[in-house]
Amino acid sequence: MEDISAAVKQLYDTYPFPPDPLSNEPPPGYNWRWCWPTAYSFCTGQAPQDYQIRILDAGCGTGSSTEYLIKLNSRAAVLGIDLSDGAIKMARERCSQSGICSAGTPEPEFQRLSLYDVTQLAGQFDLINCVGVLHHLPDPIRGLRNLAVKLAPGGLMHIFVYAELGRREIRLMQEAIALLQGNRRGNYQDGVKTGRQMFAALPPENPLAKYESSRWAMENQRDECFADMYVHPQEIDYNIQTLFELIEASGLEFIGFSNPNYWQLDRLLGQAPELLERAAELSDMQRYRLIELLDPQLSHYEFFLGRPPLPLNHWSEEESLLNAIPQVSPCLNGWPSQTLFDPDYKLITLSDDEFQFMQACEVNLLPGEERSPDLAKTVRDILVQAPLDLETVRSLQTRQLILLTPE
């Protein structure tokens, strides 16, 4: 196990990942999964009460994710850990050069540390981000259990791991490269060179060449990305069954996939109501498996785990909805405009009434900002000046366009 960890460290010291260039300004855009108020609202239905939280970026790499966690959570204390010295060095440089920590924003901390040793860290964290790490561990269950120990009650963990069905061609090429490398395996620069020569030599109609060209070629122009994909010394790919074995071993609560639209069966079998009726008799895991079998291009799973107690608010009671304080989501691109990108960067157009309602919500400051409680307006107050039916208000919350804070 130590040999594998050393090999992984050597890969990322040779090719620090991700290879996003350093910048003199904060990163553009957002990832709502890394924004505490939107992630919390997605998982519980309501905005969080506290914004001065602790965040752990577990496997931060060169700091691209850490920088976004800082940008989207300006009152949080953020710690990034990684196995690679080179990656940690670049992460520090990234956050320093971009000036992401403006006045009042806590400076991030970085530490070279394995997930196997994460229990050495003091205290617990409200949000743990672990993207692209567990599947590179020889013992991912041990790594996840260690992270679970550091998750505070009421906290959330966002995880990203590989899915086997959508990575079939990648695994085939990984094995092919390893065969041709022979005793040179572990020389990652030779692995990248060998892999590129193989793709260049393959006929254009070859399935592996077509898959690389259509799906990954743009990203894999960078050697760091090519190395991470094709010459990594350790990789475990999951299917629904093995994924939930991993989740169950964590002792945490599975909250849901953070790309819920993929997991809607009606997008695949909507033209066959009788099949949807049969599928309704399946368990959640059986239905998940059916979806990935019918649409096997999924290359990864992304999901939230939580440690109880966590609230769950569907806003089904009219009085509680009317007394809630609505705020415009901080993860909208193009706001204020009727045509904008939602948190998943999907282009949407608001109706006149929806737009008017959301504009009226701006009297309530964004989550985490100081405000006097007597200045906040409830849904009831706003409906006086921007009439909207309550089902549409619920829809705005479900689509993550507004956040709701209970009375």
Protein backbone atom coordinates (compact mmCIF):
# COMPACT_ATOMS: atom_id res chain seq x y z
CA MET A 1 0.00 0.00 0.00
CA GLU A 2 2.87 2.37 0.81
CA ASP A 3 4.45 1.55 -2.56
CA ILE A 4 1.25 2.52 -4.37
CA SER A 5 0.95 5.77 -2.40
CA ALA A 6 4.56 6.57 -3.28
CA ALA A 7 3.85 5.89 -6.96
CA VAL A 8 0.79 8.18 -6.88
CA LYS A 9 2.86 10.90 -5.22
CA GLN A 10 5.54 10.53 -7.90
CA LEU A 11 2.95 10.89 -10.67
CA TYR A 12 1.60 14.14 -9.28
CA ASP A 13 5.05 15.48 -8.47
CA THR A 14 5.90 14.86 -12.13
CA TYR A 15 2.58 16.12 -13.49
CA PRO A 16 0.86 18.39 -10.90
CA PHE A 17 -2.88 18.16 -11.38
CA PRO A 18 -5.08 19.85 -12.36
CA PRO A 19 -2.88 21.91 -14.70
CA ASP A 20 -5.05 25.04 -14.62
CA PRO A 21 -2.82 28.07 -15.24
CA LEU A 22 -2.14 30.56 -12.47
CA SER A 23 -3.94 33.88 -12.73
CA ASN A 24 -3.68 37.37 -11.29
CA GLU A 25 -7.39 37.43 -10.51
CA PRO A 26 -9.95 35.18 -8.81
CA PRO A 27 -11.40 32.31 -10.85
CA PRO A 28 -14.43 32.93 -13.06
CA GLY A 29 -17.83 31.34 -12.62
CA TYR A 30 -18.79 28.95 -9.87
CA ASN A 31 -19.53 25.36 -8.93
CA TRP A 32 -22.63 25.35 -6.74
CA ARG A 33 -21.53 22.08 -5.11
CA TRP A 34 -18.61 23.99 -3.56
CA CYS A 35 -20.79 26.85 -2.32
CA TRP A 36 -21.95 26.11 1.24
CA PRO A 37 -25.37 27.86 1.08
CA THR A 38 -26.38 26.33 -2.27
CA ALA A 39 -25.04 22.87 -1.40
CA TYR A 40 -26.78 22.99 1.96
CA SER A 41 -30.03 24.12 0.35
CA PHE A 42 -29.81 21.32 -2.22
CA CYS A 43 -29.32 18.74 0.53
CA THR A 44 -31.82 20.03 3.11
CA GLY A 45 -34.21 22.35 1.27
CA GLN A 46 -33.21 25.40 3.28
CA ALA A 47 -30.35 27.84 3.70
CA PRO A 48 -27.85 27.15 6.50
CA GLN A 49 -27.85 29.11 9.73
CA ASP A 50 -24.08 29.51 10.01
CA TYR A 51 -21.61 30.67 7.35
CA GLN A 52 -18.47 30.90 9.46
CA ILE A 53 -17.66 27.27 8.85
CA ARG A 54 -14.62 25.02 8.39
CA ILE A 55 -14.02 23.46 4.97
CA LEU A 56 -11.61 20.65 4.12
CA ASP A 57 -10.50 20.22 0.51
CA ALA A 58 -9.36 16.60 0.75
CA GLY A 59 -7.01 16.01 -2.18
CA CYS A 60 -6.77 19.64 -3.26
CA GLY A 61 -4.16 19.05 -5.96
CA THR A 62 -2.88 22.33 -7.40
CA GLY A 63 -5.58 24.30 -5.60
CA SER A 64 -8.14 24.99 -8.34
CA SER A 65 -10.96 23.58 -6.22
CA THR A 66 -9.58 25.25 -3.09
CA GLU A 67 -9.63 28.61 -4.79
CA TYR A 68 -13.28 28.20 -5.71
CA LEU A 69 -14.13 27.08 -2.17
CA ILE A 70 -12.56 30.31 -0.90
CA LYS A 71 -14.30 32.45 -3.51
CA LEU A 72 -17.74 30.96 -2.84
CA ASN A 73 -17.42 30.86 0.96
CA SER A 74 -15.79 34.12 1.94
CA ARG A 75 -16.38 33.63 5.68
CA ALA A 76 -15.12 30.06 5.86
CA ALA A 77 -11.77 28.75 7.09
CA VAL A 78 -10.45 26.53 4.30
CA LEU A 79 -7.78 23.83 4.58
CA GLY A 80 -6.40 21.99 1.55
CA ILE A 81 -4.49 18.73 1.90
CA ASP A 82 -2.71 16.64 -0.72
CA LEU A 83 -0.10 13.90 -0.99
CA SER A 84 2.06 15.79 -3.52
CA ASP A 85 4.59 18.42 -2.46
CA GLY A 86 4.57 19.89 -5.96
CA ALA A 87 0.81 20.22 -6.02
CA ILE A 88 0.71 21.85 -2.58
CA LYS A 89 3.38 24.34 -3.64
CA MET A 90 1.37 25.30 -6.72
CA ALA A 91 -1.85 25.55 -4.67
CA ARG A 92 -0.20 28.08 -2.36
CA GLU A 93 1.10 30.04 -5.34
CA ARG A 94 -2.31 29.99 -7.01
CA CYS A 95 -4.19 31.45 -4.05
CA SER A 96 -1.47 34.00 -3.36
CA GLN A 97 -1.16 35.21 -6.95
CA SER A 98 -4.90 35.51 -7.61
CA GLY A 99 -5.51 37.62 -4.52
CA ILE A 100 -8.55 35.49 -3.73
CA CYS A 101 -8.28 36.37 -0.05
CA SER A 102 -9.53 39.93 -0.01
CA ALA A 103 -10.04 41.92 3.14
CA GLY A 104 -12.02 39.90 5.65
CA THR A 105 -11.56 36.56 3.89
CA PRO A 106 -9.56 34.06 5.96
CA GLU A 107 -6.27 32.94 4.41
CA PRO A 108 -6.34 29.26 3.36
CA GLU A 109 -4.06 26.70 4.93
CA PHE A 110 -2.32 23.89 3.05
CA GLN A 111 -0.75 20.73 4.37
CA ARG A 112 0.86 17.71 2.74
CA LEU A 113 -1.14 14.86 4.17
CA SER A 114 -2.56 11.52 3.05
CA LEU A 115 -6.25 10.77 3.50
CA TYR A 116 -5.09 7.82 5.56
CA ASP A 117 -3.67 10.29 8.08
CA VAL A 118 -6.48 12.85 8.03
CA THR A 119 -7.53 11.94 11.56
CA GLN A 120 -4.40 13.77 12.73
CA LEU A 121 -6.13 17.07 11.91
CA ALA A 122 -7.61 18.99 14.81
CA GLY A 123 -11.37 19.38 15.10
CA GLN A 124 -14.06 18.63 12.54
CA PHE A 125 -15.27 20.23 9.32
CA ASP A 126 -18.71 21.39 8.19
CA LEU A 127 -18.01 20.77 4.50
CA ILE A 128 -15.57 18.23 3.10
CA ASN A 129 -14.83 18.26 -0.61
CA CYS A 130 -13.23 15.08 -1.95
CA VAL A 131 -13.11 15.13 -5.75
CA GLY A 132 -11.14 12.64 -7.81
CA VAL A 133 -9.25 11.13 -4.86
CA LEU A 134 -10.89 8.04 -3.35
CA HIS A 135 -10.68 6.03 -6.58
CA HIS A 136 -6.90 6.51 -6.56
CA LEU A 137 -6.46 5.00 -3.08
CA PRO A 138 -5.48 1.35 -2.59
CA ASP A 139 -8.05 1.26 0.24
CA PRO A 140 -10.79 3.81 -0.51
CA ILE A 141 -13.02 2.52 2.29
CA ARG A 142 -10.33 3.32 4.83
CA GLY A 143 -9.85 6.77 3.29
CA LEU A 144 -13.58 7.55 3.35
CA ARG A 145 -14.00 6.30 6.90
CA ASN A 146 -11.18 8.57 8.03
CA LEU A 147 -12.85 11.53 6.34
CA ALA A 148 -16.17 10.60 7.96
CA VAL A 149 -14.56 10.92 11.39
CA LYS A 150 -13.69 14.53 10.57
CA LEU A 151 -17.20 15.49 9.38
CA ALA A 152 -19.05 17.52 12.00
CA PRO A 153 -22.66 16.74 13.01
CA GLY A 154 -24.91 18.48 10.50
CA GLY A 155 -22.03 18.57 8.01
CA LEU A 156 -21.88 17.66 4.32
CA MET A 157 -19.36 15.77 2.21
CA HIS A 158 -19.21 16.11 -1.57
CA ILE A 159 -17.58 13.17 -3.37
CA PHE A 160 -16.58 12.42 -6.97
CA VAL A 161 -15.44 8.93 -8.01
CA TYR A 162 -15.05 7.14 -11.34
CA ALA A 163 -17.80 5.03 -12.92
CA GLU A 164 -16.74 1.89 -14.78
CA LEU A 165 -19.22 1.86 -17.67
CA GLY A 166 -18.24 5.26 -19.05
CA ARG A 167 -14.52 4.56 -18.66
CA ARG A 168 -14.33 1.24 -20.49
CA GLU A 169 -12.25 2.59 -23.38
CA ILE A 170 -9.97 4.42 -20.95
CA ARG A 171 -9.24 1.20 -19.06
CA LEU A 172 -8.46 -0.62 -22.31
CA MET A 173 -5.95 2.03 -23.33
CA GLN A 174 -4.44 2.10 -19.84
CA GLU A 175 -3.73 -1.63 -20.11
CA ALA A 176 -2.38 -1.29 -23.65
CA ILE A 177 0.05 1.45 -22.62
CA ALA A 178 1.19 -0.59 -19.62
CA LEU A 179 1.90 -3.61 -21.85
CA LEU A 180 4.07 -1.61 -24.23
CA GLN A 181 5.86 0.15 -21.39
CA GLY A 182 6.91 -3.14 -19.86
CA ASN A 183 9.62 -2.55 -17.27
CA ARG A 184 9.42 1.19 -17.98
CA ARG A 185 6.07 1.33 -16.20
CA GLY A 186 6.37 3.95 -13.48
CA ASN A 187 8.22 6.27 -15.85
CA TYR A 188 5.27 8.57 -16.39
CA GLN A 189 6.89 10.70 -19.06
CA ASP A 190 7.54 7.56 -21.09
CA GLY A 191 3.95 6.49 -20.48
CA VAL A 192 2.59 9.76 -21.87
CA LYS A 193 4.91 9.52 -24.90
CA THR A 194 3.92 5.90 -25.53
CA GLY A 195 0.21 6.63 -25.22
CA ARG A 196 0.34 9.58 -27.59
CA GLN A 197 2.25 7.51 -30.15
CA MET A 198 -0.39 4.77 -29.91
CA PHE A 199 -3.29 7.15 -30.49
CA ALA A 200 -1.47 8.72 -33.43
CA ALA A 201 -0.85 5.30 -34.98
CA LEU A 202 -4.37 3.91 -34.58
CA PRO A 203 -6.70 4.10 -37.62
CA PRO A 204 -9.25 6.93 -37.30
CA GLU A 205 -12.13 4.42 -37.23
CA ASN A 206 -10.62 2.55 -34.28
CA PRO A 207 -13.10 2.66 -31.34
CA LEU A 208 -10.48 3.80 -28.81
CA ALA A 209 -9.20 6.53 -31.12
CA LYS A 210 -12.75 7.68 -31.88
CA TYR A 211 -13.64 7.77 -28.18
CA GLU A 212 -10.56 9.81 -27.30
CA SER A 213 -11.08 12.20 -30.21
CA SER A 214 -14.77 12.82 -29.54
CA ARG A 215 -14.72 13.03 -25.75
CA TRP A 216 -11.31 13.75 -24.23
CA ALA A 217 -8.90 15.07 -26.88
CA MET A 218 -9.35 18.75 -26.03
CA GLU A 219 -8.73 18.18 -22.32
CA ASN A 220 -5.87 15.75 -22.95
CA GLN A 221 -3.82 18.21 -24.99
CA ARG A 222 -2.12 18.84 -21.66
CA ASP A 223 0.29 16.12 -20.60
CA GLU A 224 -0.90 16.44 -17.01
CA CYS A 225 -4.44 15.45 -18.02
CA PHE A 226 -3.24 12.68 -20.32
CA ALA A 227 -1.05 11.24 -17.56
CA ASP A 228 -3.85 11.40 -14.99
CA MET A 229 -6.19 9.55 -17.35
CA TYR A 230 -3.99 6.95 -19.00
CA VAL A 231 -0.88 6.22 -16.91
CA HIS A 232 -2.13 6.52 -13.34
CA PRO A 233 -0.66 3.76 -11.15
CA GLN A 234 -3.84 3.24 -9.12
CA GLU A 235 -7.50 3.39 -10.13
CA ILE A 236 -10.72 1.80 -8.93
CA ASP A 237 -13.84 2.25 -11.05
CA TYR A 238 -17.28 1.79 -9.48
CA ASN A 239 -20.71 0.59 -10.47
CA ILE A 240 -23.89 1.24 -8.51
CA GLN A 241 -23.48 -1.84 -6.34
CA THR A 242 -19.84 -1.22 -5.40
CA LEU A 243 -20.51 2.50 -5.01
CA PHE A 244 -23.16 1.91 -2.37
CA GLU A 245 -20.94 -0.63 -0.64
CA LEU A 246 -18.42 2.20 -0.31
CA ILE A 247 -21.09 4.61 0.92
CA GLU A 248 -22.49 2.15 3.45
CA ALA A 249 -19.01 1.52 4.84
CA SER A 250 -18.63 5.25 5.57
CA GLY A 251 -21.36 5.24 8.22
CA LEU A 252 -22.73 8.47 6.76
CA GLU A 253 -26.14 9.21 5.25
CA PHE A 254 -26.48 9.17 1.46
CA ILE A 255 -28.28 12.40 0.62
CA GLY A 256 -28.36 12.15 -3.15
CA PHE A 257 -26.54 12.52 -6.43
CA SER A 258 -25.60 16.10 -7.21
CA ASN A 259 -26.52 15.62 -10.89
CA PRO A 260 -30.13 14.51 -10.26
CA ASN A 261 -31.29 15.02 -13.84
CA TYR A 262 -29.17 12.09 -15.03
CA TRP A 263 -30.96 9.84 -12.55
CA GLN A 264 -34.46 10.53 -13.91
CA LEU A 265 -35.64 7.37 -15.66
CA ASP A 266 -38.38 9.13 -17.57
CA ARG A 267 -35.79 10.88 -19.74
CA LEU A 268 -34.93 7.42 -21.10
CA LEU A 269 -38.24 5.52 -20.96
CA GLY A 270 -40.70 8.41 -21.01
CA GLN A 271 -42.20 7.07 -24.24
CA ALA A 272 -43.08 3.76 -22.57
CA PRO A 273 -45.39 4.38 -19.58
CA GLU A 274 -45.82 0.65 -18.97
CA LEU A 275 -42.07 0.29 -18.46
CA LEU A 276 -42.03 3.23 -16.06
CA GLU A 277 -44.80 1.50 -14.08
CA ARG A 278 -42.66 -1.63 -13.83
CA ALA A 279 -39.63 0.44 -12.82
CA ALA A 280 -41.65 2.01 -10.00
CA GLU A 281 -41.57 -1.41 -8.30
CA LEU A 282 -37.75 -1.45 -8.25
CA SER A 283 -35.64 -0.38 -5.29
CA ASP A 284 -33.68 2.86 -5.57
CA MET A 285 -30.46 0.94 -6.26
CA GLN A 286 -32.12 -1.21 -8.93
CA ARG A 287 -33.49 1.90 -10.60
CA TYR A 288 -30.07 3.58 -10.48
CA ARG A 289 -28.53 0.48 -12.04
CA LEU A 290 -31.16 0.41 -14.78
CA ILE A 291 -30.41 4.02 -15.66
CA GLU A 292 -26.65 3.54 -15.92
CA LEU A 293 -27.17 0.39 -18.01
CA LEU A 294 -29.42 2.23 -20.44
CA ASP A 295 -27.15 5.29 -20.58
CA PRO A 296 -23.63 3.91 -20.02
CA GLN A 297 -21.70 7.06 -20.87
CA LEU A 298 -21.50 8.12 -17.22
CA SER A 299 -17.79 8.45 -16.43
CA HIS A 300 -18.15 9.42 -12.76
CA TYR A 301 -20.52 9.62 -9.81
CA GLU A 302 -20.91 12.82 -7.84
CA PHE A 303 -22.96 12.84 -4.66
CA PHE A 304 -23.46 14.22 -1.17
CA LEU A 305 -23.13 12.40 2.13
CA GLY A 306 -24.15 13.92 5.46
CA ARG A 307 -23.83 13.38 9.18
CA PRO A 308 -27.12 13.79 11.07
CA PRO A 309 -28.79 15.77 12.40
CA LEU A 310 -29.71 17.49 9.15
CA PRO A 311 -33.05 19.24 8.56
CA LEU A 312 -35.21 18.28 5.60
CA ASN A 313 -37.66 20.91 4.45
CA HIS A 314 -39.91 20.37 1.42
CA TRP A 315 -41.88 23.58 2.16
CA SER A 316 -45.13 21.66 1.84
CA GLU A 317 -46.81 23.61 4.63
CA GLU A 318 -48.20 26.86 3.27
CA GLU A 319 -47.68 28.88 6.44
CA SER A 320 -44.01 27.92 6.81
CA LEU A 321 -43.37 28.85 3.17
CA LEU A 322 -45.10 32.20 3.53
CA ASN A 323 -42.98 33.01 6.60
CA ALA A 324 -39.68 31.96 4.99
CA ILE A 325 -37.08 34.54 3.96
CA PRO A 326 -36.19 34.15 0.24
CA GLN A 327 -32.82 35.10 -1.21
CA VAL A 328 -31.50 34.96 -4.76
CA SER A 329 -29.02 32.14 -5.23
CA PRO A 330 -25.39 33.32 -5.34
CA CYS A 331 -24.70 30.82 -8.17
CA LEU A 332 -26.50 32.38 -11.14
CA ASN A 333 -24.69 33.65 -14.23
CA GLY A 334 -26.32 36.64 -15.87
CA TRP A 335 -28.47 37.80 -12.98
CA PRO A 336 -30.31 40.18 -12.93
CA SER A 337 -31.84 39.23 -16.26
CA GLN A 338 -34.82 37.17 -17.34
CA THR A 339 -32.53 35.00 -19.46
CA LEU A 340 -29.62 33.60 -17.47
CA PHE A 341 -27.64 30.48 -16.64
CA ASP A 342 -28.88 28.49 -13.66
CA PRO A 343 -26.52 26.82 -11.12
CA ASP A 344 -25.84 23.98 -13.58
CA TYR A 345 -25.03 26.49 -16.35
CA LYS A 346 -28.22 25.63 -18.18
CA LEU A 347 -29.72 28.56 -20.07
CA ILE A 348 -33.19 29.38 -18.76
CA THR A 349 -35.75 32.12 -19.23
CA LEU A 350 -37.78 33.35 -16.27
CA SER A 351 -41.39 34.34 -16.68
CA ASP A 352 -42.26 37.98 -16.02
CA ASP A 353 -43.76 37.03 -12.66
CA GLU A 354 -40.79 34.90 -11.63
CA PHE A 355 -38.37 37.67 -12.55
CA GLN A 356 -40.38 40.25 -10.63
CA PHE A 357 -40.47 38.01 -7.56
CA MET A 358 -36.73 37.34 -7.64
CA GLN A 359 -35.97 41.02 -8.08
CA ALA A 360 -38.04 41.75 -4.99
CA CYS A 361 -36.02 39.10 -3.09
CA GLU A 362 -32.88 41.19 -3.47
CA VAL A 363 -33.94 43.29 -0.50
CA ASN A 364 -32.75 40.27 1.50
CA LEU A 365 -28.98 40.15 1.40
CA LEU A 366 -27.12 37.14 0.08
CA PRO A 367 -26.61 34.29 2.53
CA GLY A 368 -24.02 35.01 5.18
CA GLU A 369 -24.11 38.77 4.90
CA GLU A 370 -24.98 40.79 7.97
CA ARG A 371 -28.51 42.09 8.03
CA SER A 372 -30.96 43.34 10.58
CA PRO A 373 -33.76 40.78 11.07
CA ASP A 374 -36.40 43.48 11.02
CA LEU A 375 -35.33 44.51 7.49
CA ALA A 376 -35.73 41.03 6.02
CA LYS A 377 -38.86 40.40 3.96
CA THR A 378 -40.70 37.10 4.00
CA VAL A 379 -42.29 35.36 1.05
CA ARG A 380 -45.60 36.74 2.32
CA ASP A 381 -44.25 40.31 2.25
CA ILE A 382 -42.81 39.94 -1.24
CA LEU A 383 -45.96 38.39 -2.70
CA VAL A 384 -47.77 41.65 -1.91
CA GLN A 385 -45.62 43.52 -4.43
CA ALA A 386 -44.78 40.61 -6.74
CA PRO A 387 -47.76 38.22 -6.87
CA LEU A 388 -46.84 34.61 -7.58
CA ASP A 389 -48.53 31.33 -6.76
CA LEU A 390 -46.87 29.30 -4.01
CA GLU A 391 -46.23 26.31 -6.26
CA THR A 392 -44.05 28.51 -8.47
CA VAL A 393 -42.21 29.80 -5.40
CA ARG A 394 -41.51 26.18 -4.49
CA SER A 395 -40.33 25.59 -8.05
CA LEU A 396 -37.85 28.48 -7.80
CA GLN A 397 -36.40 26.84 -4.69
CA THR A 398 -36.32 23.36 -6.21
CA ARG A 399 -34.52 24.72 -9.30
CA GLN A 400 -31.99 26.34 -6.94
CA LEU A 401 -32.81 29.85 -8.14
CA ILE A 402 -33.69 31.05 -4.65
CA LEU A 403 -32.73 29.92 -1.15
CA LEU A 404 -35.25 29.85 1.67
CA THR A 405 -34.47 30.47 5.33
CA PRO A 406 -37.08 29.30 7.86
CA GLU A 407 -38.74 31.88 10.07
